[in-house]
């Protein structure tokens, strides 16, 4: 969800205001995805690399996460949305961790759309952690070398049990993966828009879905 900072700077506002507006966009787009019948939505919210940003910006972001994780609970429950977390929880501030766990526990029984929040997430870190888990499984005899295949590896990722993304949307005209779901997006369709995230609206989402619907997904096969 790129472009919050640029959106604010173009308006002469603090970057924190861009993140605040971006949070409002999250609520609107998540509701649209529920209305459209989409099974799962993953939001890349904060990367492990984002800790390198100015301290005041990071602190403002963490404060927003704490607020939103509480504020979105009624909406999640009303729409039967289940919240899951992708990333390293231990590095998060205690207050954010508390509300994140609380919201996940509250929505754990919901049977609607899965909302995956990639918070303090890094694709390479995810793969390394999966490799460590598999090494432990091998050492303890839970798996043999022959038993380690793609399905087994996927089951040790943060996204175990979730469907791989069909469509990856990149806002603010960014043309890179940015260490996001490196394993899972192997066959995802990419859609890039110049729209900054705070300006991302229903029409932008519909354009992305329409573009996706016109593509032929071959998964490496040859079609005629």
C-alpha atoms as a PDB file:
ATOM      1  CA  UNK A   1       0.000   0.000   0.000  1.00  0.00           C
ATOM      2  CA  UNK A   2       2.457   2.623  -1.257  1.00  0.00           C
ATOM      3  CA  UNK A   3       2.136   6.374  -1.464  1.00  0.00           C
ATOM      4  CA  UNK A   4       0.949   7.512   1.959  1.00  0.00           C
ATOM      5  CA  UNK A   5       3.965   9.721   2.524  1.00  0.00           C
ATOM      6  CA  UNK A   6       3.937  11.169  -0.982  1.00  0.00           C
ATOM      7  CA  UNK A   7       0.192  11.866  -0.687  1.00  0.00           C
ATOM      8  CA  UNK A   8       0.829  13.909   2.454  1.00  0.00           C
ATOM      9  CA  UNK A   9       3.901  15.727   1.129  1.00  0.00           C
ATOM     10  CA  UNK A  10       2.072  16.856  -2.008  1.00  0.00           C
ATOM     11  CA  UNK A  11      -0.484  18.502   0.272  1.00  0.00           C
ATOM     12  CA  UNK A  12       2.034  20.043   2.629  1.00  0.00           C
ATOM     13  CA  UNK A  13       0.966  17.697   5.433  1.00  0.00           C
ATOM     14  CA  UNK A  14       2.984  15.558   7.860  1.00  0.00           C
ATOM     15  CA  UNK A  15       3.664  12.015   6.640  1.00  0.00           C
ATOM     16  CA  UNK A  16       1.661  10.756   9.613  1.00  0.00           C
ATOM     17  CA  UNK A  17      -1.440  12.308   8.087  1.00  0.00           C
ATOM     18  CA  UNK A  18      -0.842  10.287   4.936  1.00  0.00           C
ATOM     19  CA  UNK A  19      -0.723   7.110   7.006  1.00  0.00           C
ATOM     20  CA  UNK A  20      -3.921   8.150   8.774  1.00  0.00           C
ATOM     21  CA  UNK A  21      -5.685   8.599   5.443  1.00  0.00           C
ATOM     22  CA  UNK A  22      -4.212   5.316   4.269  1.00  0.00           C
ATOM     23  CA  UNK A  23      -5.830   3.633   7.262  1.00  0.00           C
ATOM     24  CA  UNK A  24      -9.215   4.961   6.203  1.00  0.00           C
ATOM     25  CA  UNK A  25      -8.614   3.551   2.727  1.00  0.00           C
ATOM     26  CA  UNK A  26      -7.858   0.149   4.272  1.00  0.00           C
ATOM     27  CA  UNK A  27     -11.281   0.095   5.922  1.00  0.00           C
ATOM     28  CA  UNK A  28     -13.070   1.034   2.686  1.00  0.00           C
ATOM     29  CA  UNK A  29     -11.198  -1.423   0.473  1.00  0.00           C
ATOM     30  CA  UNK A  30     -11.538  -4.271   2.962  1.00  0.00           C
ATOM     31  CA  UNK A  31     -15.295  -3.686   3.062  1.00  0.00           C
ATOM     32  CA  UNK A  32     -15.438  -3.659  -0.750  1.00  0.00           C
ATOM     33  CA  UNK A  33     -13.560  -6.961  -0.892  1.00  0.00           C
ATOM     34  CA  UNK A  34     -16.113  -8.453   1.489  1.00  0.00           C
ATOM     35  CA  UNK A  35     -18.944  -7.092  -0.648  1.00  0.00           C
ATOM     36  CA  UNK A  36     -17.336  -8.488  -3.815  1.00  0.00           C
ATOM     37  CA  UNK A  37     -17.097 -11.957  -2.270  1.00  0.00           C
ATOM     38  CA  UNK A  38     -13.301 -12.095  -2.272  1.00  0.00           C
ATOM     39  CA  UNK A  39     -12.043 -14.973  -0.130  1.00  0.00           C
ATOM     40  CA  UNK A  40      -8.887 -13.395   1.249  1.00  0.00           C
ATOM     41  CA  UNK A  41      -7.142 -10.039   1.268  1.00  0.00           C
ATOM     42  CA  UNK A  42      -3.523  -9.528   2.305  1.00  0.00           C
ATOM     43  CA  UNK A  43      -2.319  -6.041   3.202  1.00  0.00           C
ATOM     44  CA  UNK A  44       1.417  -5.332   3.241  1.00  0.00           C
ATOM     45  CA  UNK A  45       1.337  -2.801   6.018  1.00  0.00           C
ATOM     46  CA  UNK A  46       4.801  -2.591   7.574  1.00  0.00           C
ATOM     47  CA  UNK A  47       7.971  -4.340   6.455  1.00  0.00           C
ATOM     48  CA  UNK A  48      10.912  -5.348   8.610  1.00  0.00           C
ATOM     49  CA  UNK A  49      12.928  -2.774   6.651  1.00  0.00           C
ATOM     50  CA  UNK A  50      10.489  -0.013   7.654  1.00  0.00           C
ATOM     51  CA  UNK A  51      12.098   0.182  11.112  1.00  0.00           C
ATOM     52  CA  UNK A  52      14.823   2.189   9.358  1.00  0.00           C
ATOM     53  CA  UNK A  53      12.406   5.086   8.855  1.00  0.00           C
ATOM     54  CA  UNK A  54      12.561   8.167  11.139  1.00  0.00           C
ATOM     55  CA  UNK A  55      11.620   7.274  14.709  1.00  0.00           C
ATOM     56  CA  UNK A  56       8.749   9.760  14.889  1.00  0.00           C
ATOM     57  CA  UNK A  57       7.171   8.271  11.754  1.00  0.00           C
ATOM     58  CA  UNK A  58       7.517   4.718  13.068  1.00  0.00           C
ATOM     59  CA  UNK A  59       6.052   5.727  16.436  1.00  0.00           C
ATOM     60  CA  UNK A  60       3.116   7.395  14.693  1.00  0.00           C
ATOM     61  CA  UNK A  61       2.511   4.264  12.631  1.00  0.00           C
ATOM     62  CA  UNK A  62       2.575   2.017  15.683  1.00  0.00           C
ATOM     63  CA  UNK A  63       0.106   4.305  17.411  1.00  0.00           C
ATOM     64  CA  UNK A  64      -2.217   4.052  14.412  1.00  0.00           C
ATOM     65  CA  UNK A  65      -1.981   0.245  14.386  1.00  0.00           C
ATOM     66  CA  UNK A  66      -2.945   0.122  18.039  1.00  0.00           C
ATOM     67  CA  UNK A  67      -5.969   2.374  17.441  1.00  0.00           C
ATOM     68  CA  UNK A  68      -7.169   0.646  14.279  1.00  0.00           C
ATOM     69  CA  UNK A  69      -6.826  -2.864  15.663  1.00  0.00           C
ATOM     70  CA  UNK A  70      -9.361  -1.852  18.285  1.00  0.00           C
ATOM     71  CA  UNK A  71     -11.575   0.306  16.056  1.00  0.00           C
ATOM     72  CA  UNK A  72     -12.033  -2.316  13.308  1.00  0.00           C
ATOM     73  CA  UNK A  73     -13.321  -5.039  15.627  1.00  0.00           C
ATOM     74  CA  UNK A  74     -17.053  -4.258  15.226  1.00  0.00           C
ATOM     75  CA  UNK A  75     -16.685  -4.194  11.416  1.00  0.00           C
ATOM     76  CA  UNK A  76     -14.745  -7.454  11.359  1.00  0.00           C
ATOM     77  CA  UNK A  77     -17.321  -9.179  13.545  1.00  0.00           C
ATOM     78  CA  UNK A  78     -20.278  -7.793  11.579  1.00  0.00           C
ATOM     79  CA  UNK A  79     -18.785  -9.074   8.312  1.00  0.00           C
ATOM     80  CA  UNK A  80     -17.507 -12.360   9.830  1.00  0.00           C
ATOM     81  CA  UNK A  81     -13.939 -11.474   8.776  1.00  0.00           C
ATOM     82  CA  UNK A  82     -11.084 -13.415  10.344  1.00  0.00           C
ATOM     83  CA  UNK A  83      -7.873 -11.490  11.004  1.00  0.00           C
ATOM     84  CA  UNK A  84      -4.528 -13.286  10.772  1.00  0.00           C
ATOM     85  CA  UNK A  85      -1.009 -11.929  11.162  1.00  0.00           C
ATOM     86  CA  UNK A  86       1.930 -12.433   8.827  1.00  0.00           C
ATOM     87  CA  UNK A  87       5.313 -11.456  10.218  1.00  0.00           C
ATOM     88  CA  UNK A  88       7.467 -11.346  13.336  1.00  0.00           C
ATOM     89  CA  UNK A  89       5.287 -10.441  16.299  1.00  0.00           C
ATOM     90  CA  UNK A  90       8.071 -10.330  18.895  1.00  0.00           C
ATOM     91  CA  UNK A  91       9.546  -7.067  17.553  1.00  0.00           C
ATOM     92  CA  UNK A  92       6.271  -5.135  17.798  1.00  0.00           C
ATOM     93  CA  UNK A  93       5.576  -2.745  20.691  1.00  0.00           C
ATOM     94  CA  UNK A  94       3.751  -4.426  23.570  1.00  0.00           C
ATOM     95  CA  UNK A  95       0.593  -2.347  23.074  1.00  0.00           C
ATOM     96  CA  UNK A  96       0.369  -3.221  19.361  1.00  0.00           C
ATOM     97  CA  UNK A  97       1.051  -6.880  20.076  1.00  0.00           C
ATOM     98  CA  UNK A  98      -1.681  -6.920  22.732  1.00  0.00           C
ATOM     99  CA  UNK A  99      -4.349  -5.471  20.428  1.00  0.00           C
ATOM    100  CA  UNK A 100      -3.252  -7.598  17.471  1.00  0.00           C
ATOM    101  CA  UNK A 101      -3.563 -10.791  19.500  1.00  0.00           C
ATOM    102  CA  UNK A 102      -6.853  -9.595  20.964  1.00  0.00           C
ATOM    103  CA  UNK A 103      -8.382  -8.909  17.541  1.00  0.00           C
ATOM    104  CA  UNK A 104      -7.167 -12.224  16.142  1.00  0.00           C
ATOM    105  CA  UNK A 105      -8.619 -14.113  19.077  1.00  0.00           C
ATOM    106  CA  UNK A 106     -11.919 -12.245  18.811  1.00  0.00           C
ATOM    107  CA  UNK A 107     -12.285 -13.050  15.093  1.00  0.00           C
ATOM    108  CA  UNK A 108     -10.820 -16.569  15.158  1.00  0.00           C
ATOM    109  CA  UNK A 109     -14.220 -18.209  14.779  1.00  0.00           C
ATOM    110  CA  UNK A 110     -15.389 -16.057  11.877  1.00  0.00           C
ATOM    111  CA  UNK A 111     -16.061 -17.890   8.615  1.00  0.00           C
ATOM    112  CA  UNK A 112     -16.001 -15.017   6.115  1.00  0.00           C
ATOM    113  CA  UNK A 113     -13.131 -13.343   4.309  1.00  0.00           C
ATOM    114  CA  UNK A 114      -9.636 -13.810   5.715  1.00  0.00           C
ATOM    115  CA  UNK A 115      -7.845 -10.499   6.260  1.00  0.00           C
ATOM    116  CA  UNK A 116      -4.101 -11.132   6.492  1.00  0.00           C
ATOM    117  CA  UNK A 117      -2.139  -8.225   7.958  1.00  0.00           C
ATOM    118  CA  UNK A 118       1.535  -8.320   6.981  1.00  0.00           C
ATOM    119  CA  UNK A 119       2.902  -6.322   9.909  1.00  0.00           C
ATOM    120  CA  UNK A 120       6.645  -6.406  10.571  1.00  0.00           C
ATOM    121  CA  UNK A 121       6.892  -8.772   7.615  1.00  0.00           C
ATOM    122  CA  UNK A 122       9.738  -9.729   5.294  1.00  0.00           C
ATOM    123  CA  UNK A 123       9.624 -12.405   2.617  1.00  0.00           C
ATOM    124  CA  UNK A 124      13.232 -13.499   3.064  1.00  0.00           C
ATOM    125  CA  UNK A 125      12.807 -13.693   6.837  1.00  0.00           C
ATOM    126  CA  UNK A 126       9.703 -15.819   6.340  1.00  0.00           C
ATOM    127  CA  UNK A 127      11.580 -18.272   4.114  1.00  0.00           C
ATOM    128  CA  UNK A 128      14.549 -18.484   6.496  1.00  0.00           C
ATOM    129  CA  UNK A 129      12.229 -19.147   9.447  1.00  0.00           C
ATOM    130  CA  UNK A 130      10.451 -21.851   7.443  1.00  0.00           C
ATOM    131  CA  UNK A 131      13.810 -23.479   6.649  1.00  0.00           C
ATOM    132  CA  UNK A 132      14.679 -23.462  10.357  1.00  0.00           C
ATOM    133  CA  UNK A 133      11.373 -25.109  11.260  1.00  0.00           C
ATOM    134  CA  UNK A 134      11.926 -27.793   8.639  1.00  0.00           C
ATOM    135  CA  UNK A 135      15.478 -28.395   9.909  1.00  0.00           C
ATOM    136  CA  UNK A 136      14.055 -28.884  13.403  1.00  0.00           C
ATOM    137  CA  UNK A 137      11.407 -31.244  12.021  1.00  0.00           C
ATOM    138  CA  UNK A 138      14.145 -33.285  10.346  1.00  0.00           C
ATOM    139  CA  UNK A 139      16.325 -33.363  13.453  1.00  0.00           C
ATOM    140  CA  UNK A 140      13.438 -34.593  15.590  1.00  0.00           C
ATOM    141  CA  UNK A 141      12.387 -37.203  13.020  1.00  0.00           C
ATOM    142  CA  UNK A 142       9.074 -35.550  12.144  1.00  0.00           C
ATOM    143  CA  UNK A 143       9.999 -35.546   8.453  1.00  0.00           C
ATOM    144  CA  UNK A 144      12.429 -37.354   6.142  1.00  0.00           C
ATOM    145  CA  UNK A 145      14.372 -35.731   3.319  1.00  0.00           C
ATOM    146  CA  UNK A 146      11.993 -37.315   0.809  1.00  0.00           C
ATOM    147  CA  UNK A 147       9.064 -35.817   2.715  1.00  0.00           C
ATOM    148  CA  UNK A 148      10.241 -32.256   2.189  1.00  0.00           C
ATOM    149  CA  UNK A 149       8.461 -31.055  -0.928  1.00  0.00           C
ATOM    150  CA  UNK A 150       6.816 -27.783  -1.985  1.00  0.00           C
ATOM    151  CA  UNK A 151       3.649 -28.541  -0.065  1.00  0.00           C
ATOM    152  CA  UNK A 152       5.597 -29.307   3.121  1.00  0.00           C
ATOM    153  CA  UNK A 153       7.634 -26.121   2.748  1.00  0.00           C
ATOM    154  CA  UNK A 154       4.498 -24.027   2.183  1.00  0.00           C
ATOM    155  CA  UNK A 155       3.062 -25.490   5.358  1.00  0.00           C
ATOM    156  CA  UNK A 156       5.908 -23.950   7.366  1.00  0.00           C
ATOM    157  CA  UNK A 157       5.373 -20.409   6.044  1.00  0.00           C
ATOM    158  CA  UNK A 158       3.384 -17.701   7.826  1.00  0.00           C
ATOM    159  CA  UNK A 159       0.661 -18.246   5.213  1.00  0.00           C
ATOM    160  CA  UNK A 160       0.173 -21.955   5.934  1.00  0.00           C
ATOM    161  CA  UNK A 161      -3.445 -22.837   5.189  1.00  0.00           C
ATOM    162  CA  UNK A 162      -4.098 -19.705   3.130  1.00  0.00           C
ATOM    163  CA  UNK A 163      -4.574 -19.666  -0.631  1.00  0.00           C
ATOM    164  CA  UNK A 164      -1.766 -18.210  -2.726  1.00  0.00           C
ATOM    165  CA  UNK A 165      -2.583 -14.729  -4.096  1.00  0.00           C
ATOM    166  CA  UNK A 166      -4.265 -14.609  -7.484  1.00  0.00           C
ATOM    167  CA  UNK A 167      -3.676 -10.881  -7.909  1.00  0.00           C
ATOM    168  CA  UNK A 168      -0.996  -8.571  -6.510  1.00  0.00           C
ATOM    169  CA  UNK A 169      -1.812  -4.861  -6.715  1.00  0.00           C
ATOM    170  CA  UNK A 170       1.009  -2.325  -6.468  1.00  0.00           C
ATOM    171  CA  UNK A 171       0.042   1.308  -5.899  1.00  0.00           C
ATOM    172  CA  UNK A 172       2.029   4.524  -6.490  1.00  0.00           C
ATOM    173  CA  UNK A 173       3.524   3.091  -9.707  1.00  0.00           C
ATOM    174  CA  UNK A 174       6.042   0.945  -7.816  1.00  0.00           C
ATOM    175  CA  UNK A 175       7.599  -1.744 -10.021  1.00  0.00           C
ATOM    176  CA  UNK A 176       9.177  -4.116  -7.511  1.00  0.00           C
ATOM    177  CA  UNK A 177       8.085  -6.917  -5.182  1.00  0.00           C
ATOM    178  CA  UNK A 178       9.705  -5.278  -2.124  1.00  0.00           C
ATOM    179  CA  UNK A 179      10.355  -8.538  -0.284  1.00  0.00           C
ATOM    180  CA  UNK A 180       6.633  -9.389  -0.205  1.00  0.00           C
ATOM    181  CA  UNK A 181       5.370 -13.001  -0.246  1.00  0.00           C
ATOM    182  CA  UNK A 182       8.353 -14.112  -2.328  1.00  0.00           C
ATOM    183  CA  UNK A 183       7.289 -17.758  -2.322  1.00  0.00           C
ATOM    184  CA  UNK A 184       3.546 -17.194  -2.627  1.00  0.00           C
ATOM    185  CA  UNK A 185       3.444 -14.790  -5.607  1.00  0.00           C
ATOM    186  CA  UNK A 186       5.289 -17.149  -7.973  1.00  0.00           C
ATOM    187  CA  UNK A 187       2.256 -17.270 -10.283  1.00  0.00           C
ATOM    188  CA  UNK A 188       0.290 -14.231  -9.118  1.00  0.00           C
ATOM    189  CA  UNK A 189      -0.878 -11.712 -11.688  1.00  0.00           C
ATOM    190  CA  UNK A 190       0.585  -8.216 -11.149  1.00  0.00           C
ATOM    191  CA  UNK A 191      -1.311  -4.974 -11.545  1.00  0.00           C
ATOM    192  CA  UNK A 192       0.438  -1.607 -11.108  1.00  0.00           C
ATOM    193  CA  UNK A 193      -1.434   1.684 -10.763  1.00  0.00           C
ATOM    194  CA  UNK A 194      -0.138   5.248 -10.418  1.00  0.00           C
ATOM    195  CA  UNK A 195      -2.778   5.881  -7.766  1.00  0.00           C
ATOM    196  CA  UNK A 196      -1.371   6.653  -4.329  1.00  0.00           C
ATOM    197  CA  UNK A 197      -2.856   4.440  -1.632  1.00  0.00           C
ATOM    198  CA  UNK A 198      -4.938   7.160   0.121  1.00  0.00           C
ATOM    199  CA  UNK A 199      -6.597   7.857  -3.258  1.00  0.00           C
ATOM    200  CA  UNK A 200      -7.289   4.172  -3.976  1.00  0.00           C
ATOM    201  CA  UNK A 201     -11.049   3.850  -4.355  1.00  0.00           C
ATOM    202  CA  UNK A 202     -13.732   1.446  -5.565  1.00  0.00           C
ATOM    203  CA  UNK A 203     -13.123   2.387  -9.200  1.00  0.00           C
ATOM    204  CA  UNK A 204      -9.384   1.648  -8.888  1.00  0.00           C
ATOM    205  CA  UNK A 205     -10.086  -1.743  -7.352  1.00  0.00           C
ATOM    206  CA  UNK A 206     -12.635  -2.566 -10.038  1.00  0.00           C
ATOM    207  CA  UNK A 207     -10.126  -1.633 -12.760  1.00  0.00           C
ATOM    208  CA  UNK A 208      -7.569  -4.001 -11.237  1.00  0.00           C
ATOM    209  CA  UNK A 209     -10.077  -6.853 -11.004  1.00  0.00           C
ATOM    210  CA  UNK A 210     -11.259  -6.235 -14.566  1.00  0.00           C
ATOM    211  CA  UNK A 211      -7.684  -6.312 -15.876  1.00  0.00           C
ATOM    212  CA  UNK A 212      -7.082  -9.554 -13.963  1.00  0.00           C
ATOM    213  CA  UNK A 213     -10.244 -11.135 -15.379  1.00  0.00           C
ATOM    214  CA  UNK A 214      -8.969 -10.635 -18.945  1.00  0.00           C
ATOM    215  CA  UNK A 215      -5.700 -12.485 -18.403  1.00  0.00           C
ATOM    216  CA  UNK A 216      -5.058 -16.116 -19.285  1.00  0.00           C
ATOM    217  CA  UNK A 217      -3.352 -17.842 -16.368  1.00  0.00           C
ATOM    218  CA  UNK A 218      -1.256 -20.688 -17.789  1.00  0.00           C
ATOM    219  CA  UNK A 219       0.920 -21.605 -14.762  1.00  0.00           C
ATOM    220  CA  UNK A 220       3.754 -22.522 -17.116  1.00  0.00           C
ATOM    221  CA  UNK A 221       1.620 -24.555 -19.516  1.00  0.00           C
ATOM    222  CA  UNK A 222       1.272 -23.825 -23.235  1.00  0.00           C
ATOM    223  CA  UNK A 223      -2.195 -23.013 -24.512  1.00  0.00           C
ATOM    224  CA  UNK A 224      -3.506 -22.621 -28.019  1.00  0.00           C
END
